[in-house]
Structure formats: structure tokens, C-alpha cells
Amino acid sequence: MLATREYRSLMEARSVLAGRLDRACVADPFARLEWLASLQAHCFADEPVRIFQAIERDAECWLFARMRGGRRLSALANWYSFDWAPAFLGNPAPVTQARLLEAIARAMLNANARLDFYPMTETDTLLRAFRRAGWLAVRRAMGGRYLLRPEGRDFATYWRGRPSALRNLVKRKGRGDPFSISIDDRLSETLWADYVDVHARSWKEPEPALPFLKALAERESAAGALRLGFARLNGQAIATQLWSVEGGTAFIHKLSHDRAHDQASPGTLLSHAMFAHAIDVDHASLIDYGTGDNAYKADWMEQRATLYRIDCFNPRFASAWLPAARTAISALVG
């Protein structure tokens, strides 16, 4: 017997899940309930969640979305999410996954005119399920995700394979060890104050989600997975990087540096130290640079995974027809 349910709060979902999407049970950090709850609290506090569950015997599928108004739902994800996907429990076979997803897609037809899911790397099962359920679903490539697999290499071997321009830059700017480099796995209020200070002087736009990043750093610190790096000059932090490492994967969450020191390349020198630590100390089998096609990432990484966005339109709502046509045309022309 296959059944679907909808929940209107993460608290409801948490009660039903009873820890089955917690760190101890889920390897993917972006699928955990703690990640989703933090996103909702700090980044989407004004957008109510809609959570869909399909159950068939011991197999379950959970889909976490947020309301954006106008009968539109989006994936509960943003630029901090390296990947988004429905969560399956009970290790269902692919055919069962498809059946569970189709049941959720049919349930979502009742009250929603538009859906969008991004960022996704594996899309085939979801795309087919929503189409079978009656949605007009369109998939588009939307950027990429840079990856590095050391495959047994130590850092020195990896580094010899980097572009000569990058290696020469690090050699030139690193003469005399101009910066003091530190990498901490435990967060303190002093370290966080340094992080905020660097970000305030960064080339980046003002960070809208510092509370989210602090919550992330606190969770990873408590789990021993945090890698918070700093480059300091005369004791002052001028570059910082927020990484986490678990299950053999190093995740690069956020980079910032003081733009007044651009010519000295503190961020590049800090990256050199962070990659060395991930490869030689943490023995990471995968380093993930997250979403974004920034050109500088290609110098450090060796693979690019395409990210996709899936847009779904409900033909029962006339308001979805024109956006569906425009999206389909956009997908055709690239």
C-alpha cells in the first residue's frame, strides 16, 4: 500500500523522522534535517516549508520545499547547498524510488502551479516521475560544481600537476612566509569574531546569512569536522576559509579576504595550505568546491559536474502555461 502525507513544519517532520535524517544516519550533509532546518530558520524564515512524504512498506521518500507565493514551491536549498535531492529511506530499489516520487508528484498537483528544484546533479528519476504524474517538466543545465579526487596522491604530487601560473604565484607570493597560517577544527568566539571581521573587509557583497554560517561552523565544530583557516598579518586576520571534512570528503563552504591585501594574494596562499591539510592530514578522497563556475576553481580542481535545474508546470493552472512555454524555449536554445 502506497500512501502520501504532507507536513507544514520541520517540527512535524522531525517528530515523524525520529532521527533518521540526522548525522548519524545520513552521509550527505545537505540532506540532513539539521541542514534543512538551519536553512529555513536563517535564510527562508518568511517562506513556510512544505514537506512531502511517500511510504510503501519499509521504503520512504521525503521531499523538502518552501513556498514562494503564487502557488509556487522551490527546493529547500540555496547557494550554500552543494546539491539537492529527495531523501530516500529504507534503501529502496530504483523502481521503488520512482514509484514513491511519482506519488509525491501527484500529491503536489493538487494545490501548486509551479515547482523548481536546484541545484541537482542526479535528475533522471525525478524528471520522469513528475512527467508521468502530469507535470510539464523541463530540465536545464545551470552552472557546475568543481571536484578533485586525489586518488592516492600526496599534496606534493597533486601540486606538481597544477597550472604553472598558479604554482609560480604561490612561490612568488609565499617567499619569506609573509602570513601566519592556522587551521582550526574547533570554533571559538574569538575565531568567529575574526571571521566576521575579515568578511566585513572582503570584496564580497555584505553576507546576508552570517547566522547561518555560524550555525554551520558550530555544528561542524561539535562534530570535529570543521576546518576554519586563517591567514594573518601581524596578528590580524586578513583571509579566511570555512571548510568541513567528513566521510572522506572535504567541502569548501566559504572564502573571504581583505581586499586591501589583494596584491599579496593571502587567499591563494591560504588555499594552498587548506588543500595540503585536506590531502595530507585529513586524507580526503574527494574535495568539493560547491556550486559556481568561478574561473579560479578550475586551477585547483580536475573535474566539473554539471548542475541542473528542473522546472515543473501544472497544466491545470492557466497561469503556468506561458512560463512553461518560455522555460521550454530557454532549455532548447541553451
Foldseek 3Di string as FASTA:
>chain_A
DKDKDKDFALVVVCVVCVCCQDVVNDPQPLSHSVLLVLLCVQPVVVWTKIWMWMDDPQKMKIFIWTDDDPLEIEGSDDQLRLADDIDMPPPDDLVVVLVRLLVRLLVSLPRHFKYKYDWHQDPPSNQVSNVVSQWLKDKAFDAWWFKAFCPPDALVVLVVPFDPVLVVLLVVLCVPNQWDKDWDLADDPVLLVLVQVQQVQFPDDPDSGSVSVVVVSHVRSVVSFWIWMFTDGPRHTFWIWTWGDDPLEIETRDITGRPVCVVSPPRSNNVSVVVNCSCVPVVRRMYIDGGDDPPVSVSNGDDIRTTMMMMIGNVVDPVRVVVSVVVNVVRVVD
